[in-house]
PDB file of N, CA and C in Angstrom:
ATOM      1  N   MET A   1      -3.251   2.525   7.680  1.00  0.00           N
ATOM      2  CA  MET A   1      -1.962   1.868   7.769  1.00  0.00           C
ATOM      3  C   MET A   1      -2.016   0.498   7.117  1.00  0.00           C
ATOM      4  N   ASP A   2      -2.785   0.354   6.060  1.00  0.00           N
ATOM      5  CA  ASP A   2      -2.871  -0.962   5.460  1.00  0.00           C
ATOM      6  C   ASP A   2      -2.127  -1.077   4.131  1.00  0.00           C
ATOM      7  N   SER A   3      -1.327  -0.131   3.807  1.00  0.00           N
ATOM      8  CA  SER A   3      -0.535  -0.201   2.589  1.00  0.00           C
ATOM      9  C   SER A   3       0.691  -1.080   2.812  1.00  0.00           C
ATOM     10  N   ARG A   4       0.947  -1.984   1.874  1.00  0.00           N
ATOM     11  CA  ARG A   4       2.096  -2.884   1.982  1.00  0.00           C
ATOM     12  C   ARG A   4       3.411  -2.146   2.107  1.00  0.00           C
ATOM     13  N   THR A   5       3.537  -1.009   1.454  1.00  0.00           N
ATOM     14  CA  THR A   5       4.800  -0.277   1.457  1.00  0.00           C
ATOM     15  C   THR A   5       5.099   0.381   2.796  1.00  0.00           C
ATOM     16  N   GLU A   6       4.100   0.596   3.620  1.00  0.00           N
ATOM     17  CA  GLU A   6       4.305   1.236   4.918  1.00  0.00           C
ATOM     18  C   GLU A   6       4.837   0.271   5.976  1.00  0.00           C
ATOM     19  N   VAL A   7       4.582  -1.005   5.814  1.00  0.00           N
ATOM     20  CA  VAL A   7       4.995  -2.010   6.790  1.00  0.00           C
ATOM     21  C   VAL A   7       6.417  -2.468   6.454  1.00  0.00           C
ATOM     22  N   PRO A   8       7.342  -2.463   7.430  1.00  0.00           N
ATOM     23  CA  PRO A   8       8.711  -2.927   7.164  1.00  0.00           C
ATOM     24  C   PRO A   8       8.704  -4.350   6.587  1.00  0.00           C
ATOM     25  N   GLU A   9       9.460  -4.556   5.530  1.00  0.00           N
ATOM     26  CA  GLU A   9       9.407  -5.815   4.786  1.00  0.00           C
ATOM     27  C   GLU A   9       9.631  -7.065   5.628  1.00  0.00           C
ATOM     28  N   GLY A  10      10.583  -7.060   6.511  1.00  0.00           N
ATOM     29  CA  GLY A  10      10.868  -8.240   7.326  1.00  0.00           C
ATOM     30  C   GLY A  10       9.811  -8.558   8.364  1.00  0.00           C
ATOM     31  N   TYR A  11       8.827  -7.686   8.538  1.00  0.00           N
ATOM     32  CA  TYR A  11       7.822  -7.854   9.584  1.00  0.00           C
ATOM     33  C   TYR A  11       6.410  -8.046   9.043  1.00  0.00           C
ATOM     34  N   ARG A  12       6.240  -8.122   7.737  1.00  0.00           N
ATOM     35  CA  ARG A  12       4.897  -8.215   7.156  1.00  0.00           C
ATOM     36  C   ARG A  12       4.141  -9.462   7.585  1.00  0.00           C
ATOM     37  N   GLN A  13       4.849 -10.537   7.874  1.00  0.00           N
ATOM     38  CA  GLN A  13       4.183 -11.767   8.305  1.00  0.00           C
ATOM     39  C   GLN A  13       3.637 -11.651   9.729  1.00  0.00           C
ATOM     40  N   LEU A  14       3.923 -10.552  10.415  1.00  0.00           N
ATOM     41  CA  LEU A  14       3.443 -10.341  11.785  1.00  0.00           C
ATOM     42  C   LEU A  14       2.453  -9.189  11.889  1.00  0.00           C
ATOM     43  N   PHE A  15       2.074  -8.589  10.751  1.00  0.00           N
ATOM     44  CA  PHE A  15       1.180  -7.438  10.758  1.00  0.00           C
ATOM     45  C   PHE A  15      -0.195  -7.817  10.229  1.00  0.00           C
ATOM     46  N   PHE A  16      -1.227  -7.504  11.006  1.00  0.00           N
ATOM     47  CA  PHE A  16      -2.616  -7.731  10.617  1.00  0.00           C
ATOM     48  C   PHE A  16      -3.265  -6.381  10.352  1.00  0.00           C
ATOM     49  N   VAL A  17      -3.953  -6.259   9.218  1.00  0.00           N
ATOM     50  CA  VAL A  17      -4.629  -5.008   8.896  1.00  0.00           C
ATOM     51  C   VAL A  17      -5.723  -4.743   9.924  1.00  0.00           C
ATOM     52  N   ASN A  18      -6.578  -5.723  10.190  1.00  0.00           N
ATOM     53  CA  ASN A  18      -7.613  -5.649  11.228  1.00  0.00           C
ATOM     54  C   ASN A  18      -7.529  -6.933  12.032  1.00  0.00           C
ATOM     55  N   ALA A  19      -6.703  -6.929  13.063  1.00  0.00           N
ATOM     56  CA  ALA A  19      -6.390  -8.169  13.780  1.00  0.00           C
ATOM     57  C   ALA A  19      -7.617  -8.888  14.313  1.00  0.00           C
ATOM     58  N   GLY A  20      -8.504  -8.199  14.990  1.00  0.00           N
ATOM     59  CA  GLY A  20      -9.648  -8.893  15.559  1.00  0.00           C
ATOM     60  C   GLY A  20      -9.173 -10.006  16.484  1.00  0.00           C
ATOM     61  N   GLY A  21      -9.926 -11.088  16.537  1.00  0.00           N
ATOM     62  CA  GLY A  21      -9.538 -12.215  17.381  1.00  0.00           C
ATOM     63  C   GLY A  21      -9.753 -11.922  18.853  1.00  0.00           C
ATOM     64  N   PRO A  22      -9.444 -12.891  19.694  1.00  0.00           N
ATOM     65  CA  PRO A  22      -9.643 -12.726  21.139  1.00  0.00           C
ATOM     66  C   PRO A  22      -8.711 -11.652  21.714  1.00  0.00           C
ATOM     67  N   SER A  23      -9.216 -10.950  22.690  1.00  0.00           N
ATOM     68  CA  SER A  23      -8.452  -9.892  23.339  1.00  0.00           C
ATOM     69  C   SER A  23      -7.383 -10.505  24.241  1.00  0.00           C
ATOM     70  N   ARG A  24      -6.152 -10.067  24.062  1.00  0.00           N
ATOM     71  CA  ARG A  24      -5.021 -10.599  24.836  1.00  0.00           C
ATOM     72  C   ARG A  24      -4.281  -9.474  25.544  1.00  0.00           C
ATOM     73  N   LYS A  25      -3.707  -9.790  26.688  1.00  0.00           N
ATOM     74  CA  LYS A  25      -2.944  -8.830  27.473  1.00  0.00           C
ATOM     75  C   LYS A  25      -1.550  -8.644  26.859  1.00  0.00           C
ATOM     76  N   VAL A  26      -1.091  -7.387  26.800  1.00  0.00           N
ATOM     77  CA  VAL A  26       0.246  -7.084  26.282  1.00  0.00           C
ATOM     78  C   VAL A  26       1.273  -7.328  27.381  1.00  0.00           C
ATOM     79  N   LEU A  27       2.280  -8.159  27.092  1.00  0.00           N
ATOM     80  CA  LEU A  27       3.340  -8.445  28.060  1.00  0.00           C
ATOM     81  C   LEU A  27       4.550  -7.540  27.860  1.00  0.00           C
ATOM     82  N   SER A  28       4.909  -7.258  26.603  1.00  0.00           N
ATOM     83  CA  SER A  28       6.062  -6.391  26.343  1.00  0.00           C
ATOM     84  C   SER A  28       5.926  -5.712  24.986  1.00  0.00           C
ATOM     85  N   ARG A  29       6.669  -4.610  24.842  1.00  0.00           N
ATOM     86  CA  ARG A  29       6.697  -3.845  23.599  1.00  0.00           C
ATOM     87  C   ARG A  29       8.157  -3.563  23.253  1.00  0.00           C
ATOM     88  N   GLU A  30       8.464  -3.631  21.953  1.00  0.00           N
ATOM     89  CA  GLU A  30       9.820  -3.375  21.478  1.00  0.00           C
ATOM     90  C   GLU A  30       9.729  -2.466  20.255  1.00  0.00           C
ATOM     91  N   LEU A  31      10.481  -1.387  20.251  1.00  0.00           N
ATOM     92  CA  LEU A  31      10.459  -0.428  19.156  1.00  0.00           C
ATOM     93  C   LEU A  31      11.070  -1.024  17.891  1.00  0.00           C
ATOM     94  N   VAL A  32      10.399  -0.803  16.744  1.00  0.00           N
ATOM     95  CA  VAL A  32      10.882  -1.269  15.437  1.00  0.00           C
ATOM     96  C   VAL A  32      10.833  -0.090  14.474  1.00  0.00           C
ATOM     97  N   GLN A  33      11.966   0.359  14.006  1.00  0.00           N
ATOM     98  CA  GLN A  33      12.078   1.422  13.007  1.00  0.00           C
ATOM     99  C   GLN A  33      11.260   2.682  13.325  1.00  0.00           C
ATOM    100  N   LYS A  34      11.287   3.157  14.507  1.00  0.00           N
ATOM    101  CA  LYS A  34      10.684   4.402  14.995  1.00  0.00           C
ATOM    102  C   LYS A  34       9.161   4.494  14.883  1.00  0.00           C
ATOM    103  N   LYS A  35       8.544   3.941  13.841  1.00  0.00           N
ATOM    104  CA  LYS A  35       7.104   4.058  13.639  1.00  0.00           C
ATOM    105  C   LYS A  35       6.321   2.832  14.075  1.00  0.00           C
ATOM    106  N   TRP A  36       7.001   1.758  14.445  1.00  0.00           N
ATOM    107  CA  TRP A  36       6.342   0.489  14.718  1.00  0.00           C
ATOM    108  C   TRP A  36       6.769  -0.067  16.069  1.00  0.00           C
ATOM    109  N   GLN A  37       5.980  -1.010  16.576  1.00  0.00           N
ATOM    110  CA  GLN A  37       6.331  -1.715  17.804  1.00  0.00           C
ATOM    111  C   GLN A  37       6.010  -3.197  17.645  1.00  0.00           C
ATOM    112  N   MET A  38       6.894  -4.036  18.153  1.00  0.00           N
ATOM    113  CA  MET A  38       6.661  -5.472  18.195  1.00  0.00           C
ATOM    114  C   MET A  38       6.086  -5.763  19.570  1.00  0.00           C
ATOM    115  N   VAL A  39       4.897  -6.332  19.607  1.00  0.00           N
ATOM    116  CA  VAL A  39       4.180  -6.555  20.853  1.00  0.00           C
ATOM    117  C   VAL A  39       4.110  -8.055  21.131  1.00  0.00           C
ATOM    118  N   THR A  40       4.490  -8.457  22.341  1.00  0.00           N
ATOM    119  CA  THR A  40       4.360  -9.844  22.772  1.00  0.00           C
ATOM    120  C   THR A  40       3.106  -9.937  23.633  1.00  0.00           C
ATOM    121  N   LEU A  41       2.231 -10.867  23.286  1.00  0.00           N
ATOM    122  CA  LEU A  41       0.957 -11.026  23.990  1.00  0.00           C
ATOM    123  C   LEU A  41       1.019 -12.206  24.949  1.00  0.00           C
ATOM    124  N   ASP A  42       0.055 -12.272  25.871  1.00  0.00           N
ATOM    125  CA  ASP A  42       0.059 -13.342  26.875  1.00  0.00           C
ATOM    126  C   ASP A  42      -0.213 -14.721  26.273  1.00  0.00           C
ATOM    127  N   CYS A  43      -0.611 -14.784  25.009  1.00  0.00           N
ATOM    128  CA  CYS A  43      -0.808 -16.071  24.334  1.00  0.00           C
ATOM    129  C   CYS A  43       0.490 -16.525  23.664  1.00  0.00           C
ATOM    130  N   SER A  44       1.567 -15.768  23.842  1.00  0.00           N
ATOM    131  CA  SER A  44       2.917 -16.005  23.325  1.00  0.00           C
ATOM    132  C   SER A  44       3.101 -15.602  21.861  1.00  0.00           C
ATOM    133  N   HIS A  45       2.061 -15.087  21.223  1.00  0.00           N
ATOM    134  CA  HIS A  45       2.213 -14.595  19.856  1.00  0.00           C
ATOM    135  C   HIS A  45       2.826 -13.198  19.871  1.00  0.00           C
ATOM    136  N   ARG A  46       3.557 -12.879  18.790  1.00  0.00           N
ATOM    137  CA  ARG A  46       4.143 -11.546  18.624  1.00  0.00           C
ATOM    138  C   ARG A  46       3.558 -10.935  17.356  1.00  0.00           C
ATOM    139  N   ILE A  47       3.059  -9.701  17.477  1.00  0.00           N
ATOM    140  CA  ILE A  47       2.482  -9.022  16.326  1.00  0.00           C
ATOM    141  C   ILE A  47       3.072  -7.619  16.207  1.00  0.00           C
ATOM    142  N   LEU A  48       3.030  -7.093  15.004  1.00  0.00           N
ATOM    143  CA  LEU A  48       3.540  -5.758  14.729  1.00  0.00           C
ATOM    144  C   LEU A  48       2.379  -4.777  14.729  1.00  0.00           C
ATOM    145  N   LEU A  49       2.562  -3.658  15.421  1.00  0.00           N
ATOM    146  CA  LEU A  49       1.543  -2.610  15.496  1.00  0.00           C
ATOM    147  C   LEU A  49       2.177  -1.254  15.247  1.00  0.00           C
ATOM    148  N   PRO A  50       1.364  -0.281  14.804  1.00  0.00           N
ATOM    149  CA  PRO A  50       1.888   1.090  14.747  1.00  0.00           C
ATOM    150  C   PRO A  50       2.266   1.544  16.152  1.00  0.00           C
ATOM    151  N   ARG A  51       3.258   2.375  16.261  1.00  0.00           N
ATOM    152  CA  ARG A  51       3.787   2.787  17.565  1.00  0.00           C
ATOM    153  C   ARG A  51       2.759   3.513  18.432  1.00  0.00           C
ATOM    154  N   TYR A  52       1.826   4.234  17.810  1.00  0.00           N
ATOM    155  CA  TYR A  52       0.870   5.030  18.585  1.00  0.00           C
ATOM    156  C   TYR A  52      -0.166   4.178  19.318  1.00  0.00           C
ATOM    157  N   GLN A  53      -0.339   2.909  18.989  1.00  0.00           N
ATOM    158  CA  GLN A  53      -1.307   2.066  19.683  1.00  0.00           C
ATOM    159  C   GLN A  53      -0.718   1.628  21.018  1.00  0.00           C
ATOM    160  N   ARG A  54      -1.330   2.059  22.113  1.00  0.00           N
ATOM    161  CA  ARG A  54      -0.770   1.801  23.436  1.00  0.00           C
ATOM    162  C   ARG A  54      -1.745   1.097  24.383  1.00  0.00           C
ATOM    163  N   SER A  55      -2.784   0.460  23.895  1.00  0.00           N
ATOM    164  CA  SER A  55      -3.746  -0.176  24.787  1.00  0.00           C
ATOM    165  C   SER A  55      -3.129  -1.380  25.513  1.00  0.00           C
ATOM    166  N   ALA A  56      -3.701  -1.711  26.672  1.00  0.00           N
ATOM    167  CA  ALA A  56      -3.185  -2.805  27.492  1.00  0.00           C
ATOM    168  C   ALA A  56      -3.615  -4.168  26.968  1.00  0.00           C
ATOM    169  N   LYS A  57      -4.700  -4.198  26.184  1.00  0.00           N
ATOM    170  CA  LYS A  57      -5.182  -5.445  25.585  1.00  0.00           C
ATOM    171  C   LYS A  57      -5.376  -5.216  24.095  1.00  0.00           C
ATOM    172  N   ILE A  58      -5.029  -6.245  23.316  1.00  0.00           N
ATOM    173  CA  ILE A  58      -5.088  -6.150  21.860  1.00  0.00           C
ATOM    174  C   ILE A  58      -5.628  -7.469  21.318  1.00  0.00           C
ATOM    175  N   GLY A  59      -6.403  -7.402  20.248  1.00  0.00           N
ATOM    176  CA  GLY A  59      -6.892  -8.614  19.604  1.00  0.00           C
ATOM    177  C   GLY A  59      -5.753  -9.345  18.907  1.00  0.00           C
ATOM    178  N   CYS A  60      -5.661 -10.643  19.111  1.00  0.00           N
ATOM    179  CA  CYS A  60      -4.599 -11.446  18.489  1.00  0.00           C
ATOM    180  C   CYS A  60      -5.146 -12.096  17.222  1.00  0.00           C
ATOM    181  N   GLY A  61      -4.643 -11.659  16.077  1.00  0.00           N
ATOM    182  CA  GLY A  61      -5.077 -12.210  14.805  1.00  0.00           C
ATOM    183  C   GLY A  61      -4.732 -13.685  14.655  1.00  0.00           C
ATOM    184  N   PHE A  62      -3.588 -14.111  15.210  1.00  0.00           N
ATOM    185  CA  PHE A  62      -3.201 -15.516  15.114  1.00  0.00           C
ATOM    186  C   PHE A  62      -4.208 -16.398  15.854  1.00  0.00           C
ATOM    187  N   CYS A  63      -4.610 -16.005  17.064  1.00  0.00           N
ATOM    188  CA  CYS A  63      -5.580 -16.783  17.843  1.00  0.00           C
ATOM    189  C   CYS A  63      -6.971 -16.724  17.206  1.00  0.00           C
ATOM    190  N   GLY A  64      -7.229 -15.640  16.469  1.00  0.00           N
ATOM    191  CA  GLY A  64      -8.515 -15.491  15.802  1.00  0.00           C
ATOM    192  C   GLY A  64      -8.592 -16.255  14.493  1.00  0.00           C
ATOM    193  N   GLY A  65      -7.496 -16.909  14.107  1.00  0.00           N
ATOM    194  CA  GLY A  65      -7.499 -17.706  12.889  1.00  0.00           C
ATOM    195  C   GLY A  65      -7.353 -16.891  11.626  1.00  0.00           C
ATOM    196  N   LEU A  66      -6.874 -15.661  11.736  1.00  0.00           N
ATOM    197  CA  LEU A  66      -6.705 -14.804  10.575  1.00  0.00           C
ATOM    198  C   LEU A  66      -5.315 -14.971   9.978  1.00  0.00           C
ATOM    199  N   GLU A  67      -5.137 -14.494   8.776  1.00  0.00           N
ATOM    200  CA  GLU A  67      -3.835 -14.515   8.119  1.00  0.00           C
ATOM    201  C   GLU A  67      -3.223 -13.129   8.186  1.00  0.00           C
ATOM    202  N   PRO A  68      -1.906 -13.031   8.419  1.00  0.00           N
ATOM    203  CA  PRO A  68      -1.233 -11.728   8.404  1.00  0.00           C
ATOM    204  C   PRO A  68      -1.270 -11.129   7.003  1.00  0.00           C
ATOM    205  N   MET A  69      -0.749  -9.913   6.886  1.00  0.00           N
ATOM    206  CA  MET A  69      -0.706  -9.225   5.610  1.00  0.00           C
ATOM    207  C   MET A  69      -0.030 -10.114   4.555  1.00  0.00           C
ATOM    208  N   ALA A  70      -0.597 -10.165   3.377  1.00  0.00           N
ATOM    209  CA  ALA A  70      -0.073 -11.006   2.287  1.00  0.00           C
ATOM    210  C   ALA A  70       1.337 -10.590   1.897  1.00  0.00           C
ATOM    211  N   GLN A  71       2.152 -11.557   1.545  1.00  0.00           N
ATOM    212  CA  GLN A  71       3.532 -11.291   1.157  1.00  0.00           C
ATOM    213  C   GLN A  71       3.667 -10.789  -0.273  1.00  0.00           C
ATOM    214  N   GLU A  72       2.705 -11.038  -1.120  1.00  0.00           N
ATOM    215  CA  GLU A  72       2.681 -10.653  -2.539  1.00  0.00           C
ATOM    216  C   GLU A  72       3.964 -10.148  -3.060  1.00  0.00           C
TER     217      GLU A  72
END
């Protein structure tokens, strides 16, 4: 799922190919275009994930100091 064309254009700044970073608790999930979900983490960051990822904790790329998918 790391192809630029697969990620909805308005959400690319919130998508990490390999987020990594510290593990954070998921507070809420919101459906985005049937295949994606916007996840709010306990660190207050929001990231975009594929819909099938349903774990209770997720690595936050923003807290890990990573950059989201390039806008190119």
